[in-house]
Amino acid sequence: MSLASEIVTIFLTVFIVVDPFGIVPVFISLTAGLPQNRRRITVLKAVVAAFAVLCLFIFTGSAILRFLGIQPGSFFIAGGILMFIVSIDLLLGKPGRTKTSGDETADGREDVSIFPLAIPMLAGPGAITTVLLYASEDKLHGLILPVLVGSAALALAIAAATMLLSSFFLRVLGKTGVSVIERIMGIVLTGLSVQFVYDGLVKLRVIAGG
């Protein structure tokens, strides 16, 4: 795989697990009745907090795996399984089990920017697992960290835009349009998750790489 293709694949994976379009209905329900300036502040705080969390795992991911004695191959398989669960949730249109439950979104907190928007909606287990997977093995010859940071920043910037324009997107696309986009993302993520499991089996020398 070429360098450009690898970078595009990394960005698409991060983009899908962050799920900028899937957060639109949740954001609307959580911020209903808030003035426009308060909604903008909520978006800014949520995106900054999510970016900080993802960067923490991007830069410390390899060290965490080494400290726990987890082989990259084992984590690739575990991460692939988790990503497959996320993809099934997207395909079936279910509330993300790896993100938040109905009780959490209906918590009624005054400030929803950190919880549940930043964590676990934007920087949930799926997104954290993804950056850990890529950070644990550098396929880009020293460029993996800046690529991951850039991918996370771009995905979160798109998420910020969809939240700020949430009413517009929901009006134009409708719930059906948002649902279709999520299902397309789920199909792509399904293939990527299986690839992660395959790579993990190869790294553990359970099967021979092709």
N, C-alpha and C. Protein backbone atom coordinates (compact mmCIF):
# COMPACT_ATOMS: atom_id res chain seq x y z
N MET A 1 0.85 -1.20 0.00
CA MET A 1 0.00 0.00 0.00
C MET A 1 0.88 1.25 0.00
N SER A 2 0.56 2.20 -0.85
CA SER A 2 1.36 3.42 -0.94
C SER A 2 1.15 4.29 0.29
N LEU A 3 2.06 5.26 0.45
CA LEU A 3 1.97 6.16 1.60
C LEU A 3 0.66 6.93 1.60
N ALA A 4 0.28 7.45 0.42
CA ALA A 4 -0.97 8.22 0.34
C ALA A 4 -2.18 7.35 0.67
N SER A 5 -2.19 6.11 0.18
CA SER A 5 -3.30 5.20 0.46
C SER A 5 -3.38 4.88 1.94
N GLU A 6 -2.24 4.68 2.58
CA GLU A 6 -2.21 4.38 4.01
C GLU A 6 -2.75 5.56 4.82
N ILE A 7 -2.37 6.76 4.44
CA ILE A 7 -2.83 7.96 5.15
C ILE A 7 -4.35 8.11 4.99
N VAL A 8 -4.84 7.90 3.77
CA VAL A 8 -6.29 7.99 3.52
C VAL A 8 -7.05 6.94 4.33
N THR A 9 -6.50 5.72 4.39
CA THR A 9 -7.15 4.65 5.15
C THR A 9 -7.22 4.99 6.63
N ILE A 10 -6.12 5.53 7.16
CA ILE A 10 -6.09 5.92 8.58
C ILE A 10 -7.14 6.99 8.86
N PHE A 11 -7.19 8.00 7.99
CA PHE A 11 -8.15 9.08 8.20
C PHE A 11 -9.59 8.56 8.13
N LEU A 12 -9.88 7.72 7.14
CA LEU A 12 -11.23 7.20 7.00
C LEU A 12 -11.64 6.38 8.21
N THR A 13 -10.70 5.58 8.74
CA THR A 13 -11.01 4.77 9.91
C THR A 13 -11.32 5.65 11.11
N VAL A 14 -10.47 6.66 11.35
CA VAL A 14 -10.70 7.57 12.47
C VAL A 14 -12.00 8.33 12.26
N PHE A 15 -12.25 8.77 11.03
CA PHE A 15 -13.47 9.52 10.72
C PHE A 15 -14.72 8.68 11.01
N ILE A 16 -14.69 7.42 10.63
CA ILE A 16 -15.86 6.56 10.80
C ILE A 16 -16.14 6.30 12.28
N VAL A 17 -15.08 6.02 13.06
CA VAL A 17 -15.33 5.71 14.47
C VAL A 17 -15.70 6.95 15.27
N VAL A 18 -15.24 8.12 14.85
CA VAL A 18 -15.68 9.36 15.50
C VAL A 18 -17.15 9.63 15.16
N ASP A 19 -17.55 9.27 13.92
CA ASP A 19 -18.95 9.34 13.48
C ASP A 19 -19.53 10.75 13.61
N PRO A 20 -19.01 11.70 12.81
CA PRO A 20 -19.48 13.09 12.92
C PRO A 20 -20.95 13.28 12.60
N PHE A 21 -21.50 12.45 11.70
CA PHE A 21 -22.91 12.62 11.34
C PHE A 21 -23.84 11.94 12.35
N GLY A 22 -23.36 10.85 12.95
CA GLY A 22 -24.19 10.15 13.92
C GLY A 22 -24.45 10.94 15.18
N ILE A 23 -23.59 11.93 15.45
CA ILE A 23 -23.76 12.71 16.68
C ILE A 23 -24.80 13.80 16.52
N VAL A 24 -25.24 14.07 15.28
CA VAL A 24 -26.18 15.17 15.02
C VAL A 24 -27.48 15.04 15.82
N PRO A 25 -28.20 13.90 15.73
CA PRO A 25 -29.46 13.81 16.49
C PRO A 25 -29.23 13.91 18.00
N VAL A 26 -28.13 13.31 18.49
CA VAL A 26 -27.84 13.36 19.92
C VAL A 26 -27.57 14.79 20.36
N PHE A 27 -26.78 15.51 19.57
CA PHE A 27 -26.45 16.90 19.91
C PHE A 27 -27.71 17.76 19.96
N ILE A 28 -28.60 17.56 19.00
CA ILE A 28 -29.84 18.34 18.97
C ILE A 28 -30.68 18.08 20.23
N SER A 29 -30.78 16.81 20.61
CA SER A 29 -31.59 16.47 21.78
C SER A 29 -30.97 16.98 23.07
N LEU A 30 -29.62 16.95 23.14
CA LEU A 30 -28.94 17.37 24.37
C LEU A 30 -28.90 18.88 24.55
N THR A 31 -28.93 19.63 23.44
CA THR A 31 -28.78 21.08 23.52
C THR A 31 -30.07 21.81 23.17
N ALA A 32 -31.18 21.09 23.13
CA ALA A 32 -32.46 21.73 22.82
C ALA A 32 -32.76 22.83 23.83
N GLY A 33 -33.10 23.98 23.34
CA GLY A 33 -33.45 25.10 24.22
C GLY A 33 -32.29 25.98 24.60
N LEU A 34 -31.06 25.58 24.29
CA LEU A 34 -29.91 26.40 24.63
C LEU A 34 -29.75 27.52 23.61
N PRO A 35 -29.31 28.70 24.05
CA PRO A 35 -29.06 29.79 23.09
C PRO A 35 -27.89 29.43 22.17
N GLN A 36 -27.81 30.11 21.03
CA GLN A 36 -26.82 29.78 20.01
C GLN A 36 -25.39 29.89 20.52
N ASN A 37 -25.09 30.95 21.30
CA ASN A 37 -23.72 31.11 21.81
C ASN A 37 -23.35 30.00 22.78
N ARG A 38 -24.32 29.52 23.55
CA ARG A 38 -24.06 28.43 24.48
C ARG A 38 -23.80 27.12 23.71
N ARG A 39 -24.51 26.93 22.60
CA ARG A 39 -24.31 25.74 21.78
C ARG A 39 -22.91 25.76 21.17
N ARG A 40 -22.45 26.95 20.72
CA ARG A 40 -21.10 27.05 20.15
C ARG A 40 -20.04 26.74 21.19
N ILE A 41 -20.22 27.24 22.41
CA ILE A 41 -19.26 26.96 23.49
C ILE A 41 -19.24 25.47 23.82
N THR A 42 -20.42 24.86 23.82
CA THR A 42 -20.51 23.42 24.09
C THR A 42 -19.77 22.61 23.04
N VAL A 43 -19.94 22.98 21.77
CA VAL A 43 -19.23 22.29 20.69
C VAL A 43 -17.73 22.44 20.84
N LEU A 44 -17.27 23.66 21.11
CA LEU A 44 -15.83 23.92 21.24
C LEU A 44 -15.23 23.10 22.38
N LYS A 45 -15.89 23.11 23.54
CA LYS A 45 -15.38 22.36 24.69
C LYS A 45 -15.36 20.86 24.41
N ALA A 46 -16.40 20.36 23.76
CA ALA A 46 -16.49 18.93 23.47
C ALA A 46 -15.37 18.49 22.52
N VAL A 47 -15.14 19.26 21.47
CA VAL A 47 -14.12 18.91 20.48
C VAL A 47 -12.72 19.01 21.08
N VAL A 48 -12.46 20.05 21.84
CA VAL A 48 -11.13 20.20 22.46
C VAL A 48 -10.86 19.07 23.45
N ALA A 49 -11.86 18.73 24.25
CA ALA A 49 -11.68 17.66 25.23
C ALA A 49 -11.46 16.32 24.53
N ALA A 50 -12.24 16.04 23.48
CA ALA A 50 -12.08 14.79 22.74
C ALA A 50 -10.71 14.72 22.07
N PHE A 51 -10.25 15.82 21.52
CA PHE A 51 -8.94 15.86 20.87
C PHE A 51 -7.83 15.60 21.89
N ALA A 52 -7.96 16.19 23.07
CA ALA A 52 -6.95 15.97 24.12
C ALA A 52 -6.90 14.50 24.53
N VAL A 53 -8.06 13.87 24.67
CA VAL A 53 -8.11 12.45 25.05
C VAL A 53 -7.47 11.58 23.97
N LEU A 54 -7.81 11.83 22.71
CA LEU A 54 -7.26 11.02 21.63
C LEU A 54 -5.75 11.23 21.51
N CYS A 55 -5.29 12.46 21.67
CA CYS A 55 -3.84 12.73 21.61
C CYS A 55 -3.11 12.02 22.74
N LEU A 56 -3.73 11.95 23.91
CA LEU A 56 -3.12 11.24 25.03
C LEU A 56 -2.84 9.80 24.66
N PHE A 57 -3.80 9.15 24.03
CA PHE A 57 -3.61 7.75 23.66
C PHE A 57 -2.74 7.60 22.41
N ILE A 58 -2.74 8.60 21.54
CA ILE A 58 -1.85 8.54 20.37
C ILE A 58 -0.40 8.53 20.81
N PHE A 59 -0.04 9.40 21.77
CA PHE A 59 1.36 9.54 22.16
C PHE A 59 1.79 8.56 23.25
N THR A 60 0.83 7.98 23.97
CA THR A 60 1.20 7.04 25.03
C THR A 60 0.75 5.62 24.74
N GLY A 61 0.09 5.41 23.60
CA GLY A 61 -0.49 4.10 23.29
C GLY A 61 0.54 2.97 23.29
N SER A 62 1.65 3.17 22.59
CA SER A 62 2.68 2.13 22.52
C SER A 62 3.26 1.83 23.89
N ALA A 63 3.47 2.87 24.68
CA ALA A 63 4.02 2.69 26.03
C ALA A 63 3.04 1.92 26.91
N ILE A 64 1.75 2.19 26.75
CA ILE A 64 0.73 1.48 27.54
C ILE A 64 0.75 0.00 27.21
N LEU A 65 0.82 -0.32 25.92
CA LEU A 65 0.83 -1.73 25.51
C LEU A 65 2.07 -2.44 26.03
N ARG A 66 3.22 -1.77 25.94
CA ARG A 66 4.46 -2.38 26.44
C ARG A 66 4.39 -2.57 27.95
N PHE A 67 3.86 -1.60 28.67
CA PHE A 67 3.78 -1.69 30.13
C PHE A 67 2.88 -2.85 30.55
N LEU A 68 1.81 -3.05 29.82
CA LEU A 68 0.87 -4.13 30.15
C LEU A 68 1.30 -5.48 29.58
N GLY A 69 2.34 -5.46 28.75
CA GLY A 69 2.83 -6.71 28.16
C GLY A 69 1.91 -7.26 27.09
N ILE A 70 1.18 -6.38 26.42
CA ILE A 70 0.25 -6.81 25.38
C ILE A 70 0.95 -6.73 24.03
N GLN A 71 0.99 -7.84 23.31
CA GLN A 71 1.58 -7.83 21.98
C GLN A 71 0.68 -7.07 21.01
N PRO A 72 1.29 -6.34 20.08
CA PRO A 72 0.47 -5.61 19.10
C PRO A 72 -0.52 -6.51 18.37
N GLY A 73 -0.12 -7.75 18.06
CA GLY A 73 -1.02 -8.67 17.37
C GLY A 73 -2.28 -8.94 18.17
N SER A 74 -2.12 -9.15 19.48
CA SER A 74 -3.27 -9.41 20.35
C SER A 74 -4.20 -8.21 20.38
N PHE A 75 -3.61 -7.01 20.44
CA PHE A 75 -4.44 -5.81 20.49
C PHE A 75 -5.13 -5.56 19.16
N PHE A 76 -4.46 -5.93 18.05
CA PHE A 76 -5.09 -5.79 16.75
C PHE A 76 -6.35 -6.65 16.67
N ILE A 77 -6.28 -7.88 17.19
CA ILE A 77 -7.44 -8.77 17.15
C ILE A 77 -8.56 -8.23 18.05
N ALA A 78 -8.19 -7.82 19.27
CA ALA A 78 -9.19 -7.28 20.20
C ALA A 78 -9.82 -6.00 19.63
N GLY A 79 -8.97 -5.15 19.07
CA GLY A 79 -9.48 -3.91 18.49
C GLY A 79 -10.37 -4.17 17.28
N GLY A 80 -9.99 -5.15 16.47
CA GLY A 80 -10.80 -5.50 15.31
C GLY A 80 -12.18 -5.99 15.72
N ILE A 81 -12.23 -6.78 16.78
CA ILE A 81 -13.52 -7.28 17.27
C ILE A 81 -14.38 -6.13 17.77
N LEU A 82 -13.76 -5.21 18.53
CA LEU A 82 -14.51 -4.05 19.04
C LEU A 82 -15.01 -3.18 17.89
N MET A 83 -14.16 -2.96 16.89
CA MET A 83 -14.57 -2.16 15.74
C MET A 83 -15.69 -2.85 14.96
N PHE A 84 -15.66 -4.19 14.93
CA PHE A 84 -16.73 -4.93 14.25
C PHE A 84 -18.06 -4.71 14.97
N ILE A 85 -18.03 -4.68 16.30
CA ILE A 85 -19.24 -4.41 17.08
C ILE A 85 -19.77 -3.02 16.76
N VAL A 86 -18.84 -2.03 16.67
CA VAL A 86 -19.24 -0.67 16.32
C VAL A 86 -19.89 -0.65 14.94
N SER A 87 -19.30 -1.39 14.00
CA SER A 87 -19.83 -1.42 12.63
C SER A 87 -21.23 -2.04 12.59
N ILE A 88 -21.45 -3.08 13.41
CA ILE A 88 -22.77 -3.71 13.46
C ILE A 88 -23.80 -2.72 14.01
N ASP A 89 -23.41 -1.95 15.05
CA ASP A 89 -24.31 -0.93 15.58
C ASP A 89 -24.68 0.09 14.51
N LEU A 90 -23.69 0.50 13.70
CA LEU A 90 -23.96 1.46 12.64
C LEU A 90 -24.87 0.87 11.58
N LEU A 91 -24.61 -0.39 11.21
CA LEU A 91 -25.41 -1.04 10.16
C LEU A 91 -26.86 -1.24 10.60
N LEU A 92 -27.05 -1.59 11.87
CA LEU A 92 -28.40 -1.88 12.36
C LEU A 92 -29.10 -0.64 12.91
N GLY A 93 -28.36 0.48 12.96
CA GLY A 93 -28.97 1.71 13.45
C GLY A 93 -29.26 1.69 14.93
N LYS A 94 -28.47 0.92 15.68
CA LYS A 94 -28.69 0.85 17.12
C LYS A 94 -27.87 1.91 17.83
N PRO A 95 -28.30 2.35 19.04
CA PRO A 95 -27.46 3.24 19.83
C PRO A 95 -26.14 2.55 20.11
N GLY A 96 -25.04 3.28 19.96
CA GLY A 96 -23.73 2.66 20.09
C GLY A 96 -23.48 2.09 21.47
N ARG A 97 -23.31 0.78 21.55
CA ARG A 97 -23.03 0.15 22.84
C ARG A 97 -21.66 0.55 23.35
N THR A 98 -20.73 0.89 22.43
CA THR A 98 -19.40 1.30 22.86
C THR A 98 -19.32 2.79 23.11
N LYS A 99 -20.46 3.49 22.99
CA LYS A 99 -20.43 4.93 23.19
C LYS A 99 -21.21 5.34 24.42
N THR A 100 -22.52 5.22 24.35
CA THR A 100 -23.31 5.67 25.48
C THR A 100 -24.65 4.98 25.50
N SER A 101 -25.22 4.86 26.65
CA SER A 101 -26.52 4.23 26.78
C SER A 101 -27.60 5.29 26.82
N GLY A 102 -28.83 4.85 26.71
CA GLY A 102 -29.94 5.80 26.74
C GLY A 102 -30.00 6.55 28.04
N ASP A 103 -29.67 5.88 29.15
CA ASP A 103 -29.70 6.55 30.45
C ASP A 103 -28.67 7.66 30.51
N GLU A 104 -27.50 7.45 29.87
CA GLU A 104 -26.45 8.44 29.93
C GLU A 104 -26.82 9.69 29.14
N THR A 105 -27.42 9.51 27.95
CA THR A 105 -27.77 10.68 27.16
C THR A 105 -28.93 11.45 27.76
N ALA A 106 -29.72 10.79 28.57
CA ALA A 106 -30.85 11.47 29.19
C ALA A 106 -30.54 11.88 30.61
N ASP A 107 -29.26 12.08 30.88
CA ASP A 107 -28.82 12.35 32.24
C ASP A 107 -29.31 13.70 32.75
N GLY A 108 -29.55 14.65 31.81
CA GLY A 108 -30.07 15.94 32.23
C GLY A 108 -29.02 16.85 32.82
N ARG A 109 -27.76 16.64 32.58
CA ARG A 109 -26.72 17.51 33.11
C ARG A 109 -26.79 18.86 32.41
N GLU A 110 -26.38 19.91 33.13
CA GLU A 110 -26.43 21.24 32.55
C GLU A 110 -25.36 21.39 31.48
N ASP A 111 -24.14 20.90 31.75
CA ASP A 111 -23.06 20.98 30.79
C ASP A 111 -22.83 19.59 30.20
N VAL A 112 -23.17 19.45 28.92
CA VAL A 112 -23.06 18.14 28.28
C VAL A 112 -21.83 18.06 27.38
N SER A 113 -20.97 19.08 27.42
CA SER A 113 -19.84 19.13 26.51
C SER A 113 -18.82 18.02 26.76
N ILE A 114 -18.49 17.78 28.04
CA ILE A 114 -17.51 16.74 28.35
C ILE A 114 -18.17 15.37 28.36
N PHE A 115 -19.25 15.25 29.08
CA PHE A 115 -20.02 14.01 29.11
C PHE A 115 -21.48 14.34 28.79
N PRO A 116 -22.07 13.73 27.80
CA PRO A 116 -21.54 12.61 27.02
C PRO A 116 -20.97 12.97 25.65
N LEU A 117 -20.88 14.27 25.28
CA LEU A 117 -20.46 14.60 23.92
C LEU A 117 -19.00 14.23 23.65
N ALA A 118 -18.07 14.78 24.48
CA ALA A 118 -16.65 14.48 24.26
C ALA A 118 -16.35 13.02 24.55
N ILE A 119 -16.76 12.59 25.73
CA ILE A 119 -16.57 11.21 26.17
C ILE A 119 -17.93 10.70 26.67
N PRO A 120 -18.49 9.67 26.07
CA PRO A 120 -17.87 8.77 25.11
C PRO A 120 -18.36 8.91 23.66
N MET A 121 -19.05 10.01 23.30
CA MET A 121 -19.59 10.11 21.95
C MET A 121 -18.50 10.32 20.91
N LEU A 122 -17.63 11.31 21.10
CA LEU A 122 -16.57 11.59 20.12
C LEU A 122 -15.33 10.75 20.38
N ALA A 123 -14.84 10.79 21.59
CA ALA A 123 -13.65 10.01 21.94
C ALA A 123 -14.08 8.79 22.75
N GLY A 124 -14.79 7.90 22.09
CA GLY A 124 -15.27 6.69 22.74
C GLY A 124 -14.27 5.55 22.63
N PRO A 125 -14.61 4.39 23.16
CA PRO A 125 -13.71 3.24 23.08
C PRO A 125 -13.31 2.87 21.66
N GLY A 126 -14.23 3.05 20.70
CA GLY A 126 -13.91 2.73 19.33
C GLY A 126 -12.81 3.62 18.77
N ALA A 127 -12.93 4.93 19.01
CA ALA A 127 -11.92 5.88 18.54
C ALA A 127 -10.59 5.67 19.27
N ILE A 128 -10.65 5.46 20.58
CA ILE A 128 -9.42 5.24 21.36
C ILE A 128 -8.72 3.98 20.90
N THR A 129 -9.50 2.92 20.68
CA THR A 129 -8.91 1.66 20.21
C THR A 129 -8.24 1.85 18.85
N THR A 130 -8.88 2.60 17.98
CA THR A 130 -8.34 2.82 16.64
C THR A 130 -6.99 3.52 16.68
N VAL A 131 -6.88 4.61 17.45
CA VAL A 131 -5.60 5.32 17.51
C VAL A 131 -4.54 4.49 18.20
N LEU A 132 -4.95 3.69 19.19
CA LEU A 132 -3.99 2.79 19.84
C LEU A 132 -3.46 1.75 18.87
N LEU A 133 -4.35 1.21 18.04
CA LEU A 133 -3.95 0.21 17.06
C LEU A 133 -2.90 0.77 16.11
N TYR A 134 -3.18 1.92 15.55
CA TYR A 134 -2.25 2.50 14.59
C TYR A 134 -0.96 2.98 15.25
N ALA A 135 -1.08 3.50 16.48
CA ALA A 135 0.12 3.99 17.17
C ALA A 135 1.03 2.86 17.61
N SER A 136 0.46 1.66 17.79
CA SER A 136 1.27 0.53 18.27
C SER A 136 2.23 0.01 17.22
N GLU A 137 1.96 0.33 15.96
CA GLU A 137 2.87 -0.10 14.90
C GLU A 137 2.97 0.99 13.85
N ASP A 138 4.16 1.48 13.63
CA ASP A 138 4.37 2.57 12.69
C ASP A 138 4.58 2.02 11.29
N LYS A 139 3.56 2.13 10.46
CA LYS A 139 3.68 1.69 9.07
C LYS A 139 4.12 2.83 8.15
N LEU A 140 4.24 4.04 8.72
CA LEU A 140 4.53 5.21 7.89
C LEU A 140 5.94 5.74 8.13
N HIS A 141 6.80 4.91 8.72
CA HIS A 141 8.21 5.26 8.88
C HIS A 141 8.40 6.59 9.62
N GLY A 142 7.82 6.67 10.80
CA GLY A 142 7.99 7.85 11.64
C GLY A 142 6.93 8.91 11.47
N LEU A 143 6.01 8.71 10.54
CA LEU A 143 4.98 9.72 10.28
C LEU A 143 3.65 9.38 10.94
N ILE A 144 3.56 8.23 11.60
CA ILE A 144 2.27 7.78 12.11
C ILE A 144 1.67 8.74 13.13
N LEU A 145 2.50 9.29 14.04
CA LEU A 145 1.96 10.17 15.08
C LEU A 145 1.37 11.45 14.49
N PRO A 146 2.11 12.18 13.64
CA PRO A 146 1.48 13.38 13.05
C PRO A 146 0.28 13.05 12.17
N VAL A 147 0.29 11.92 11.49
CA VAL A 147 -0.86 11.54 10.66
C VAL A 147 -2.07 11.26 11.54
N LEU A 148 -1.86 10.56 12.66
CA LEU A 148 -2.97 10.29 13.58
C LEU A 148 -3.51 11.57 14.20
N VAL A 149 -2.61 12.46 14.61
CA VAL A 149 -3.05 13.73 15.19
C VAL A 149 -3.83 14.54 14.16
N GLY A 150 -3.31 14.59 12.92
CA GLY A 150 -4.01 15.31 11.87
C GLY A 150 -5.35 14.70 11.53
N SER A 151 -5.41 13.35 11.51
CA SER A 151 -6.67 12.67 11.21
C SER A 151 -7.71 12.94 12.29
N ALA A 152 -7.26 12.87 13.57
CA ALA A 152 -8.17 13.14 14.68
C ALA A 152 -8.66 14.59 14.64
N ALA A 153 -7.73 15.52 14.35
CA ALA A 153 -8.10 16.94 14.30
C ALA A 153 -9.11 17.20 13.19
N LEU A 154 -8.86 16.60 12.01
CA LEU A 154 -9.77 16.82 10.87
C LEU A 154 -11.13 16.18 11.12
N ALA A 155 -11.15 14.95 11.66
CA ALA A 155 -12.42 14.28 11.94
C ALA A 155 -13.23 15.06 12.98
N LEU A 156 -12.55 15.58 14.00
CA LEU A 156 -13.24 16.33 15.04
C LEU A 156 -13.70 17.70 14.53
N ALA A 157 -12.92 18.28 13.61
CA ALA A 157 -13.33 19.55 13.00
C ALA A 157 -14.61 19.35 12.20
N ILE A 158 -14.70 18.23 11.47
CA ILE A 158 -15.92 17.92 10.72
C ILE A 158 -17.07 17.67 11.69
N ALA A 159 -16.78 17.00 12.81
CA ALA A 159 -17.81 16.77 13.82
C ALA A 159 -18.31 18.09 14.39
N ALA A 160 -17.38 19.03 14.62
CA ALA A 160 -17.78 20.35 15.12
C ALA A 160 -18.68 21.06 14.11
N ALA A 161 -18.33 20.94 12.83
CA ALA A 161 -19.15 21.57 11.79
C ALA A 161 -20.54 20.96 11.72
N THR A 162 -20.62 19.63 11.82
CA THR A 162 -21.94 18.98 11.76
C THR A 162 -22.79 19.35 12.98
N MET A 163 -22.15 19.52 14.14
CA MET A 163 -22.91 19.91 15.32
C MET A 163 -23.40 21.35 15.21
N LEU A 164 -22.52 22.24 14.72
CA LEU A 164 -22.92 23.63 14.56
C LEU A 164 -24.02 23.79 13.51
N LEU A 165 -23.98 22.90 12.51
CA LEU A 165 -24.98 22.94 11.44
C LEU A 165 -26.00 21.81 11.59
N SER A 166 -26.14 21.31 12.82
CA SER A 166 -26.96 20.13 13.05
C SER A 166 -28.41 20.31 12.58
N SER A 167 -29.00 21.46 12.86
CA SER A 167 -30.38 21.68 12.45
C SER A 167 -30.50 21.66 10.93
N PHE A 168 -29.50 22.24 10.24
CA PHE A 168 -29.51 22.26 8.78
C PHE A 168 -29.39 20.85 8.21
N PHE A 169 -28.42 20.07 8.74
CA PHE A 169 -28.22 18.71 8.25
C PHE A 169 -29.46 17.85 8.47
N LEU A 170 -30.05 17.99 9.65
CA LEU A 170 -31.23 17.18 9.95
C LEU A 170 -32.41 17.59 9.07
N ARG A 171 -32.47 18.88 8.74
CA ARG A 171 -33.56 19.36 7.89
C ARG A 171 -33.36 18.90 6.44
N VAL A 172 -32.11 18.95 5.96
CA VAL A 172 -31.82 18.60 4.57
C VAL A 172 -31.80 17.08 4.37
N LEU A 173 -31.03 16.40 5.23
CA LEU A 173 -30.89 14.96 5.08
C LEU A 173 -32.06 14.20 5.69
N GLY A 174 -32.60 14.74 6.78
CA GLY A 174 -33.63 14.02 7.51
C GLY A 174 -33.02 12.86 8.29
N LYS A 175 -33.80 12.28 9.15
CA LYS A 175 -33.31 11.14 9.92
C LYS A 175 -32.94 9.97 9.01
N THR A 176 -33.67 9.84 7.90
CA THR A 176 -33.38 8.76 6.95
C THR A 176 -32.01 8.96 6.30
N GLY A 177 -31.71 10.19 5.89
CA GLY A 177 -30.42 10.48 5.26
C GLY A 177 -29.27 10.23 6.20
N VAL A 178 -29.39 10.69 7.45
CA VAL A 178 -28.35 10.44 8.44
C VAL A 178 -28.17 8.94 8.66
N SER A 179 -29.30 8.21 8.69
CA SER A 179 -29.25 6.76 8.88
C SER A 179 -28.54 6.07 7.73
N VAL A 180 -28.78 6.52 6.49
CA VAL A 180 -28.12 5.94 5.32
C VAL A 180 -26.61 6.15 5.39
N ILE A 181 -26.20 7.37 5.75
CA ILE A 181 -24.77 7.67 5.86
C ILE A 181 -24.12 6.77 6.91
N GLU A 182 -24.78 6.60 8.05
CA GLU A 182 -24.23 5.75 9.11
C GLU A 182 -24.07 4.31 8.63
N ARG A 183 -25.02 3.82 7.86
CA ARG A 183 -24.94 2.44 7.37
C ARG A 183 -23.83 2.27 6.36
N ILE A 184 -23.60 3.27 5.52
CA ILE A 184 -22.47 3.21 4.60
C ILE A 184 -21.17 3.16 5.38
N MET A 185 -21.05 3.99 6.41
CA MET A 185 -19.86 3.96 7.26
C MET A 185 -19.70 2.59 7.92
N GLY A 186 -20.82 2.00 8.33
CA GLY A 186 -20.76 0.69 8.96
C GLY A 186 -20.22 -0.38 8.04
N ILE A 187 -20.62 -0.33 6.75
CA ILE A 187 -20.12 -1.30 5.78
C ILE A 187 -18.61 -1.19 5.62
N VAL A 188 -18.12 0.04 5.50
CA VAL A 188 -16.67 0.26 5.35
C VAL A 188 -15.93 -0.22 6.60
N LEU A 189 -16.47 0.13 7.77
CA LEU A 189 -15.81 -0.24 9.02
C LEU A 189 -15.79 -1.75 9.23
N THR A 190 -16.79 -2.45 8.72
CA THR A 190 -16.81 -3.91 8.82
C THR A 190 -15.59 -4.52 8.14
N GLY A 191 -15.32 -4.06 6.92
CA GLY A 191 -14.15 -4.57 6.21
C GLY A 191 -12.85 -4.22 6.91
N LEU A 192 -12.76 -3.00 7.43
CA LEU A 192 -11.54 -2.59 8.13
C LEU A 192 -11.34 -3.41 9.40
N SER A 193 -12.41 -3.72 10.10
CA SER A 193 -12.28 -4.49 11.35
C SER A 193 -11.79 -5.90 11.07
N VAL A 194 -12.29 -6.51 9.99
CA VAL A 194 -11.83 -7.85 9.62
C VAL A 194 -10.35 -7.81 9.23
N GLN A 195 -9.94 -6.74 8.55
CA GLN A 195 -8.54 -6.58 8.18
C GLN A 195 -7.66 -6.49 9.41
N PHE A 196 -8.12 -5.79 10.46
CA PHE A 196 -7.36 -5.69 11.70
C PHE A 196 -7.18 -7.06 12.34
N VAL A 197 -8.25 -7.86 12.37
CA VAL A 197 -8.15 -9.21 12.94
C VAL A 197 -7.15 -10.04 12.14
N TYR A 198 -7.22 -9.95 10.80
CA TYR A 198 -6.30 -10.68 9.94
C TYR A 198 -4.85 -10.26 10.22
N ASP A 199 -4.61 -8.94 10.30
CA ASP A 199 -3.26 -8.45 10.59
C ASP A 199 -2.77 -8.95 11.94
N GLY A 200 -3.68 -9.01 12.92
CA GLY A 200 -3.30 -9.48 14.25
C GLY A 200 -2.89 -10.95 14.22
N LEU A 201 -3.63 -11.77 13.48
CA LEU A 201 -3.29 -13.19 13.36
C LEU A 201 -1.95 -13.36 12.66
N VAL A 202 -1.67 -12.52 11.68
CA VAL A 202 -0.39 -12.58 11.00
C VAL A 202 0.75 -12.20 11.94
N LYS A 203 0.54 -11.13 12.73
CA LYS A 203 1.57 -10.67 13.66
C LYS A 203 1.87 -11.71 14.73
N LEU A 204 0.84 -12.46 15.14
CA LEU A 204 1.03 -13.51 16.14
C LEU A 204 1.50 -14.83 15.50
N ARG A 205 1.66 -14.81 14.18
CA ARG A 205 2.13 -15.98 13.41
C ARG A 205 1.18 -17.16 13.53
N VAL A 206 -0.08 -16.85 13.70
CA VAL A 206 -1.10 -17.90 13.69
C VAL A 206 -1.35 -18.33 12.25
N ILE A 207 -1.33 -17.38 11.33
CA ILE A 207 -1.46 -17.65 9.92
C ILE A 207 -0.35 -16.94 9.18
N ALA A 208 -0.09 -17.38 7.97
CA ALA A 208 0.95 -16.75 7.16
C ALA A 208 0.36 -15.57 6.40
N GLY A 209 1.10 -14.48 6.37
CA GLY A 209 0.63 -13.31 5.65
C GLY A 209 0.69 -13.50 4.16
N GLY A 210 -0.30 -12.93 3.47
CA GLY A 210 -0.36 -13.03 2.03
C GLY A 210 0.31 -11.89 1.33
